[in-house]
C-alpha atoms as a PDB file:
ATOM      1  CA  UNK A   1      31.976 -59.973-170.160  1.00  0.00           C
ATOM      2  CA  UNK A   2      33.031 -57.143-167.864  1.00  0.00           C
ATOM      3  CA  UNK A   3      30.640 -54.217-167.589  1.00  0.00           C
ATOM      4  CA  UNK A   4      31.780 -51.123-169.434  1.00  0.00           C
ATOM      5  CA  UNK A   5      30.522 -48.099-167.515  1.00  0.00           C
ATOM      6  CA  UNK A   6      31.099 -44.482-168.580  1.00  0.00           C
ATOM      7  CA  UNK A   7      29.765 -41.358-166.860  1.00  0.00           C
ATOM      8  CA  UNK A   8      29.359 -38.094-168.778  1.00  0.00           C
ATOM      9  CA  UNK A   9      29.235 -35.388-166.133  1.00  0.00           C
ATOM     10  CA  UNK A  10      30.536 -32.040-164.939  1.00  0.00           C
ATOM     11  CA  UNK A  11      32.216 -31.677-161.545  1.00  0.00           C
ATOM     12  CA  UNK A  12      29.888 -29.029-160.041  1.00  0.00           C
ATOM     13  CA  UNK A  13      26.611 -30.713-161.004  1.00  0.00           C
ATOM     14  CA  UNK A  14      24.569 -31.813-157.976  1.00  0.00           C
ATOM     15  CA  UNK A  15      22.757 -34.222-160.306  1.00  0.00           C
ATOM     16  CA  UNK A  16      26.022 -35.776-161.446  1.00  0.00           C
ATOM     17  CA  UNK A  17      27.195 -36.082-157.836  1.00  0.00           C
ATOM     18  CA  UNK A  18      24.200 -38.331-157.175  1.00  0.00           C
ATOM     19  CA  UNK A  19      25.413 -40.808-159.758  1.00  0.00           C
ATOM     20  CA  UNK A  20      29.002 -40.679-158.488  1.00  0.00           C
ATOM     21  CA  UNK A  21      27.795 -41.431-154.939  1.00  0.00           C
ATOM     22  CA  UNK A  22      25.614 -44.332-156.124  1.00  0.00           C
ATOM     23  CA  UNK A  23      28.446 -45.843-158.179  1.00  0.00           C
ATOM     24  CA  UNK A  24      30.790 -45.514-155.179  1.00  0.00           C
ATOM     25  CA  UNK A  25      28.197 -47.101-152.853  1.00  0.00           C
ATOM     26  CA  UNK A  26      27.924 -50.062-155.206  1.00  0.00           C
ATOM     27  CA  UNK A  27      31.699 -50.290-155.755  1.00  0.00           C
ATOM     28  CA  UNK A  28      31.367 -49.956-159.537  1.00  0.00           C
ATOM     29  CA  UNK A  29      34.421 -49.071-161.593  1.00  0.00           C
ATOM     30  CA  UNK A  30      33.694 -46.543-164.326  1.00  0.00           C
ATOM     31  CA  UNK A  31      35.319 -44.099-166.714  1.00  0.00           C
ATOM     32  CA  UNK A  32      34.581 -40.447-165.928  1.00  0.00           C
ATOM     33  CA  UNK A  33      34.320 -37.955-168.793  1.00  0.00           C
ATOM     34  CA  UNK A  34      34.139 -34.285-167.819  1.00  0.00           C
ATOM     35  CA  UNK A  35      31.816 -32.269-170.070  1.00  0.00           C
ATOM     36  CA  UNK A  36      32.140 -28.597-170.934  1.00  0.00           C
ATOM     37  CA  UNK A  37      28.507 -27.473-170.923  1.00  0.00           C
ATOM     38  CA  UNK A  38      29.202 -24.447-173.123  1.00  0.00           C
ATOM     39  CA  UNK A  39      30.792 -26.745-175.714  1.00  0.00           C
ATOM     40  CA  UNK A  40      29.092 -30.132-175.392  1.00  0.00           C
ATOM     41  CA  UNK A  41      30.868 -33.167-176.784  1.00  0.00           C
ATOM     42  CA  UNK A  42      29.507 -35.061-179.808  1.00  0.00           C
ATOM     43  CA  UNK A  43      29.258 -38.094-177.487  1.00  0.00           C
ATOM     44  CA  UNK A  44      26.890 -36.241-175.108  1.00  0.00           C
ATOM     45  CA  UNK A  45      24.755 -34.938-177.990  1.00  0.00           C
ATOM     46  CA  UNK A  46      24.576 -38.453-179.406  1.00  0.00           C
ATOM     47  CA  UNK A  47      23.845 -40.189-176.094  1.00  0.00           C
ATOM     48  CA  UNK A  48      21.258 -37.685-174.829  1.00  0.00           C
ATOM     49  CA  UNK A  49      19.758 -36.120-177.979  1.00  0.00           C
ATOM     50  CA  UNK A  50      16.465 -35.244-176.245  1.00  0.00           C
ATOM     51  CA  UNK A  51      17.763 -32.991-173.427  1.00  0.00           C
ATOM     52  CA  UNK A  52      21.529 -32.810-174.266  1.00  0.00           C
ATOM     53  CA  UNK A  53      22.191 -32.643-170.497  1.00  0.00           C
ATOM     54  CA  UNK A  54      24.489 -34.372-168.051  1.00  0.00           C
ATOM     55  CA  UNK A  55      24.671 -36.727-166.289  1.00  0.00           C
ATOM     56  CA  UNK A  56      24.494 -39.624-168.732  1.00  0.00           C
ATOM     57  CA  UNK A  57      25.456 -43.131-167.675  1.00  0.00           C
ATOM     58  CA  UNK A  58      26.599 -45.321-170.567  1.00  0.00           C
ATOM     59  CA  UNK A  59      26.411 -49.007-169.683  1.00  0.00           C
ATOM     60  CA  UNK A  60      27.838 -51.360-172.301  1.00  0.00           C
ATOM     61  CA  UNK A  61      27.229 -48.729-174.988  1.00  0.00           C
ATOM     62  CA  UNK A  62      23.639 -47.939-173.952  1.00  0.00           C
ATOM     63  CA  UNK A  63      22.781 -44.521-172.465  1.00  0.00           C
ATOM     64  CA  UNK A  64      20.619 -43.892-169.389  1.00  0.00           C
ATOM     65  CA  UNK A  65      19.649 -40.248-168.760  1.00  0.00           C
ATOM     66  CA  UNK A  66      18.195 -38.200-165.859  1.00  0.00           C
ATOM     67  CA  UNK A  67      19.919 -38.683-162.498  1.00  0.00           C
ATOM     68  CA  UNK A  68      17.005 -40.153-160.494  1.00  0.00           C
ATOM     69  CA  UNK A  69      16.324 -42.656-163.304  1.00  0.00           C
ATOM     70  CA  UNK A  70      20.038 -43.490-163.495  1.00  0.00           C
ATOM     71  CA  UNK A  71      20.046 -44.238-159.747  1.00  0.00           C
ATOM     72  CA  UNK A  72      17.088 -46.601-160.085  1.00  0.00           C
ATOM     73  CA  UNK A  73      18.817 -48.318-163.013  1.00  0.00           C
ATOM     74  CA  UNK A  74      22.047 -48.725-161.013  1.00  0.00           C
ATOM     75  CA  UNK A  75      20.059 -50.167-158.110  1.00  0.00           C
ATOM     76  CA  UNK A  76      18.300 -52.683-160.354  1.00  0.00           C
ATOM     77  CA  UNK A  77      21.391 -53.794-162.288  1.00  0.00           C
ATOM     78  CA  UNK A  78      23.835 -53.998-159.349  1.00  0.00           C
ATOM     79  CA  UNK A  79      21.381 -55.211-156.712  1.00  0.00           C
ATOM     80  CA  UNK A  80      23.786 -57.400-154.731  1.00  0.00           C
ATOM     81  CA  UNK A  81      25.380 -54.510-152.791  1.00  0.00           C
ATOM     82  CA  UNK A  82      24.144 -51.409-150.917  1.00  0.00           C
ATOM     83  CA  UNK A  83      20.477 -51.287-152.028  1.00  0.00           C
ATOM     84  CA  UNK A  84      19.322 -47.708-152.522  1.00  0.00           C
ATOM     85  CA  UNK A  85      15.553 -48.199-152.715  1.00  0.00           C
ATOM     86  CA  UNK A  86      13.643 -49.907-149.896  1.00  0.00           C
ATOM     87  CA  UNK A  87      12.215 -53.374-150.550  1.00  0.00           C
ATOM     88  CA  UNK A  88       8.739 -52.452-149.283  1.00  0.00           C
ATOM     89  CA  UNK A  89       6.572 -51.115-152.183  1.00  0.00           C
ATOM     90  CA  UNK A  90       4.987 -48.364-150.061  1.00  0.00           C
ATOM     91  CA  UNK A  91       8.321 -47.103-148.739  1.00  0.00           C
ATOM     92  CA  UNK A  92       9.734 -47.299-152.258  1.00  0.00           C
ATOM     93  CA  UNK A  93       6.848 -45.154-153.548  1.00  0.00           C
ATOM     94  CA  UNK A  94       7.426 -42.625-150.734  1.00  0.00           C
ATOM     95  CA  UNK A  95      11.141 -42.416-151.565  1.00  0.00           C
ATOM     96  CA  UNK A  96      10.326 -41.806-155.237  1.00  0.00           C
ATOM     97  CA  UNK A  97       7.774 -39.141-154.244  1.00  0.00           C
ATOM     98  CA  UNK A  98      10.326 -37.153-152.224  1.00  0.00           C
ATOM     99  CA  UNK A  99      12.992 -37.407-154.901  1.00  0.00           C
ATOM    100  CA  UNK A 100      10.439 -36.139-157.434  1.00  0.00           C
ATOM    101  CA  UNK A 101       9.703 -33.244-155.043  1.00  0.00           C
ATOM    102  CA  UNK A 102      13.434 -32.451-154.691  1.00  0.00           C
ATOM    103  CA  UNK A 103      13.857 -32.567-158.485  1.00  0.00           C
ATOM    104  CA  UNK A 104      10.934 -30.247-159.156  1.00  0.00           C
ATOM    105  CA  UNK A 105      11.524 -27.728-156.377  1.00  0.00           C
ATOM    106  CA  UNK A 106      15.113 -27.258-155.180  1.00  0.00           C
ATOM    107  CA  UNK A 107      17.120 -26.328-158.283  1.00  0.00           C
ATOM    108  CA  UNK A 108      14.240 -24.512-160.019  1.00  0.00           C
ATOM    109  CA  UNK A 109      13.574 -22.305-156.972  1.00  0.00           C
ATOM    110  CA  UNK A 110      17.270 -21.603-156.401  1.00  0.00           C
ATOM    111  CA  UNK A 111      17.636 -20.614-160.077  1.00  0.00           C
ATOM    112  CA  UNK A 112      14.712 -18.176-159.814  1.00  0.00           C
ATOM    113  CA  UNK A 113      16.266 -16.662-156.676  1.00  0.00           C
ATOM    114  CA  UNK A 114      19.683 -16.406-158.362  1.00  0.00           C
ATOM    115  CA  UNK A 115      18.284 -14.610-161.412  1.00  0.00           C
ATOM    116  CA  UNK A 116      15.935 -12.226-159.572  1.00  0.00           C
ATOM    117  CA  UNK A 117      16.292  -9.000-157.611  1.00  0.00           C
ATOM    118  CA  UNK A 118      14.393  -7.013-155.017  1.00  0.00           C
ATOM    119  CA  UNK A 119      11.042  -8.292-153.792  1.00  0.00           C
ATOM    120  CA  UNK A 120      11.022 -11.296-156.087  1.00  0.00           C
ATOM    121  CA  UNK A 121      14.478 -12.302-154.833  1.00  0.00           C
ATOM    122  CA  UNK A 122      13.222 -12.169-151.226  1.00  0.00           C
ATOM    123  CA  UNK A 123      10.126 -14.173-152.105  1.00  0.00           C
ATOM    124  CA  UNK A 124      12.192 -16.844-153.854  1.00  0.00           C
ATOM    125  CA  UNK A 125      14.598 -17.002-150.914  1.00  0.00           C
ATOM    126  CA  UNK A 126      11.686 -17.631-148.524  1.00  0.00           C
ATOM    127  CA  UNK A 127      10.364 -20.269-150.902  1.00  0.00           C
ATOM    128  CA  UNK A 128      13.760 -22.021-151.032  1.00  0.00           C
ATOM    129  CA  UNK A 129      14.065 -22.023-147.224  1.00  0.00           C
ATOM    130  CA  UNK A 130      10.505 -23.398-146.889  1.00  0.00           C
ATOM    131  CA  UNK A 131      11.388 -26.265-149.253  1.00  0.00           C
ATOM    132  CA  UNK A 132      14.348 -27.221-147.055  1.00  0.00           C
ATOM    133  CA  UNK A 133      12.223 -26.846-143.898  1.00  0.00           C
ATOM    134  CA  UNK A 134       9.692 -29.293-145.341  1.00  0.00           C
ATOM    135  CA  UNK A 135      12.493 -31.723-146.222  1.00  0.00           C
ATOM    136  CA  UNK A 136      13.833 -31.335-142.669  1.00  0.00           C
ATOM    137  CA  UNK A 137      10.352 -32.051-141.274  1.00  0.00           C
ATOM    138  CA  UNK A 138      10.106 -35.163-143.466  1.00  0.00           C
ATOM    139  CA  UNK A 139      13.427 -36.430-142.107  1.00  0.00           C
ATOM    140  CA  UNK A 140      12.079 -36.066-138.555  1.00  0.00           C
ATOM    141  CA  UNK A 141      14.236 -37.840-135.971  1.00  0.00           C
ATOM    142  CA  UNK A 142      15.525 -40.498-138.363  1.00  0.00           C
ATOM    143  CA  UNK A 143      19.271 -40.858-138.971  1.00  0.00           C
ATOM    144  CA  UNK A 144      18.746 -40.984-142.726  1.00  0.00           C
ATOM    145  CA  UNK A 145      15.693 -40.624-144.955  1.00  0.00           C
ATOM    146  CA  UNK A 146      15.779 -44.399-145.296  1.00  0.00           C
ATOM    147  CA  UNK A 147      15.690 -44.777-141.488  1.00  0.00           C
ATOM    148  CA  UNK A 148      18.946 -46.294-140.271  1.00  0.00           C
ATOM    149  CA  UNK A 149      20.039 -46.920-143.851  1.00  0.00           C
ATOM    150  CA  UNK A 150      21.580 -44.405-146.249  1.00  0.00           C
ATOM    151  CA  UNK A 151      19.339 -44.729-149.294  1.00  0.00           C
ATOM    152  CA  UNK A 152      17.623 -43.277-152.352  1.00  0.00           C
ATOM    153  CA  UNK A 153      16.403 -39.947-150.912  1.00  0.00           C
ATOM    154  CA  UNK A 154      19.714 -39.337-149.112  1.00  0.00           C
ATOM    155  CA  UNK A 155      21.742 -39.931-152.284  1.00  0.00           C
ATOM    156  CA  UNK A 156      19.505 -37.557-154.251  1.00  0.00           C
ATOM    157  CA  UNK A 157      19.487 -34.745-151.673  1.00  0.00           C
ATOM    158  CA  UNK A 158      23.004 -34.729-150.175  1.00  0.00           C
ATOM    159  CA  UNK A 159      24.754 -33.312-153.293  1.00  0.00           C
ATOM    160  CA  UNK A 160      22.948 -30.014-152.699  1.00  0.00           C
ATOM    161  CA  UNK A 161      24.958 -29.702-149.479  1.00  0.00           C
ATOM    162  CA  UNK A 162      27.918 -28.606-151.614  1.00  0.00           C
ATOM    163  CA  UNK A 163      25.643 -25.848-152.978  1.00  0.00           C
ATOM    164  CA  UNK A 164      24.402 -24.635-149.570  1.00  0.00           C
ATOM    165  CA  UNK A 165      27.176 -22.021-149.294  1.00  0.00           C
ATOM    166  CA  UNK A 166      26.129 -20.652-152.699  1.00  0.00           C
ATOM    167  CA  UNK A 167      22.450 -20.573-151.681  1.00  0.00           C
ATOM    168  CA  UNK A 168      23.357 -18.821-148.404  1.00  0.00           C
ATOM    169  CA  UNK A 169      25.666 -16.268-150.011  1.00  0.00           C
ATOM    170  CA  UNK A 170      23.260 -15.280-152.768  1.00  0.00           C
ATOM    171  CA  UNK A 171      20.268 -15.378-150.409  1.00  0.00           C
ATOM    172  CA  UNK A 172      21.913 -13.849-147.333  1.00  0.00           C
ATOM    173  CA  UNK A 173      20.776 -16.499-144.849  1.00  0.00           C
ATOM    174  CA  UNK A 174      22.339 -19.371-142.899  1.00  0.00           C
ATOM    175  CA  UNK A 175      21.171 -22.952-143.477  1.00  0.00           C
ATOM    176  CA  UNK A 176      22.332 -24.007-140.002  1.00  0.00           C
ATOM    177  CA  UNK A 177      20.070 -21.391-138.404  1.00  0.00           C
ATOM    178  CA  UNK A 178      17.096 -22.218-140.642  1.00  0.00           C
ATOM    179  CA  UNK A 179      17.426 -26.021-140.783  1.00  0.00           C
ATOM    180  CA  UNK A 180      19.774 -27.314-138.038  1.00  0.00           C
ATOM    181  CA  UNK A 181      18.522 -30.920-138.277  1.00  0.00           C
ATOM    182  CA  UNK A 182      19.150 -30.973-142.022  1.00  0.00           C
ATOM    183  CA  UNK A 183      22.741 -29.830-141.473  1.00  0.00           C
ATOM    184  CA  UNK A 184      23.204 -32.531-138.787  1.00  0.00           C
ATOM    185  CA  UNK A 185      21.870 -35.100-141.302  1.00  0.00           C
ATOM    186  CA  UNK A 186      24.272 -33.808-143.978  1.00  0.00           C
ATOM    187  CA  UNK A 187      27.226 -34.187-141.604  1.00  0.00           C
ATOM    188  CA  UNK A 188      26.218 -37.818-140.969  1.00  0.00           C
ATOM    189  CA  UNK A 189      26.084 -38.413-144.728  1.00  0.00           C
ATOM    190  CA  UNK A 190      29.545 -36.859-145.117  1.00  0.00           C
ATOM    191  CA  UNK A 191      30.971 -39.523-142.794  1.00  0.00           C
ATOM    192  CA  UNK A 192      30.419 -41.935-145.688  1.00  0.00           C
ATOM    193  CA  UNK A 193      33.403 -42.093-148.033  1.00  0.00           C
ATOM    194  CA  UNK A 194      31.105 -42.374-151.062  1.00  0.00           C
ATOM    195  CA  UNK A 195      29.714 -38.933-150.171  1.00  0.00           C
ATOM    196  CA  UNK A 196      32.818 -37.111-148.937  1.00  0.00           C
ATOM    197  CA  UNK A 197      34.808 -38.116-152.031  1.00  0.00           C
ATOM    198  CA  UNK A 198      31.990 -37.206-154.456  1.00  0.00           C
ATOM    199  CA  UNK A 199      31.168 -33.707-153.155  1.00  0.00           C
ATOM    200  CA  UNK A 200      33.390 -30.824-154.315  1.00  0.00           C
ATOM    201  CA  UNK A 201      34.471 -27.949-152.101  1.00  0.00           C
ATOM    202  CA  UNK A 202      31.511 -25.600-151.490  1.00  0.00           C
ATOM    203  CA  UNK A 203      33.620 -22.459-152.105  1.00  0.00           C
ATOM    204  CA  UNK A 204      34.694 -23.801-155.510  1.00  0.00           C
ATOM    205  CA  UNK A 205      31.041 -24.379-156.418  1.00  0.00           C
ATOM    206  CA  UNK A 206      30.318 -20.758-155.424  1.00  0.00           C
ATOM    207  CA  UNK A 207      33.220 -19.474-157.565  1.00  0.00           C
ATOM    208  CA  UNK A 208      31.909 -21.546-160.477  1.00  0.00           C
ATOM    209  CA  UNK A 209      28.423 -19.981-160.139  1.00  0.00           C
ATOM    210  CA  UNK A 210      29.850 -16.445-159.874  1.00  0.00           C
ATOM    211  CA  UNK A 211      31.899 -17.051-163.041  1.00  0.00           C
ATOM    212  CA  UNK A 212      28.793 -18.396-164.752  1.00  0.00           C
ATOM    213  CA  UNK A 213      26.846 -15.292-163.749  1.00  0.00           C
ATOM    214  CA  UNK A 214      29.550 -12.988-165.178  1.00  0.00           C
ATOM    215  CA  UNK A 215      29.620 -14.981-168.418  1.00  0.00           C
ATOM    216  CA  UNK A 216      25.903 -14.296-168.885  1.00  0.00           C
END
């Protein structure tokens, strides 16, 4: 039986981009369903009743939720091509640690910066930059977070590259000045078709966020 794979997502979601990159890396055919987050589909509410969030991967009728968990599922099910997680248990644990850090820190801190003003806005901006500096330090002189191989941490972090312009514009700073090695890493990732085709235009992401801000 052929695998039936459906992705419930929205184009600007960095978390959804992760899944699109992973599916492209593995060469998996899937049906894409764009969700309107202000009017969620009955399918999304049914498939992710706990959080009612995207992305949701539906594999042969069964839902898998939360992007980092979806990536691990994809890696386990389609293990014959482009492994995302390292085979060594220690390195695998380290990769999971950094993805957990990215998940807990990046979006939450950006959101606090976006919704704040004055001194708090400045403090949140510094916090966001320090998060990226730590991630840059962790990368070190490696080509990718997985060493020479594009892997789990890379797939989870690179979608935020399409949000960098938004972070910079709202925060009044330049990522290239603050984290030049991280930008160089991002450009290497973008040489991969799975990445370049999955990341939307950064200006469109910014316009989307501005529209969202006006709507609230």
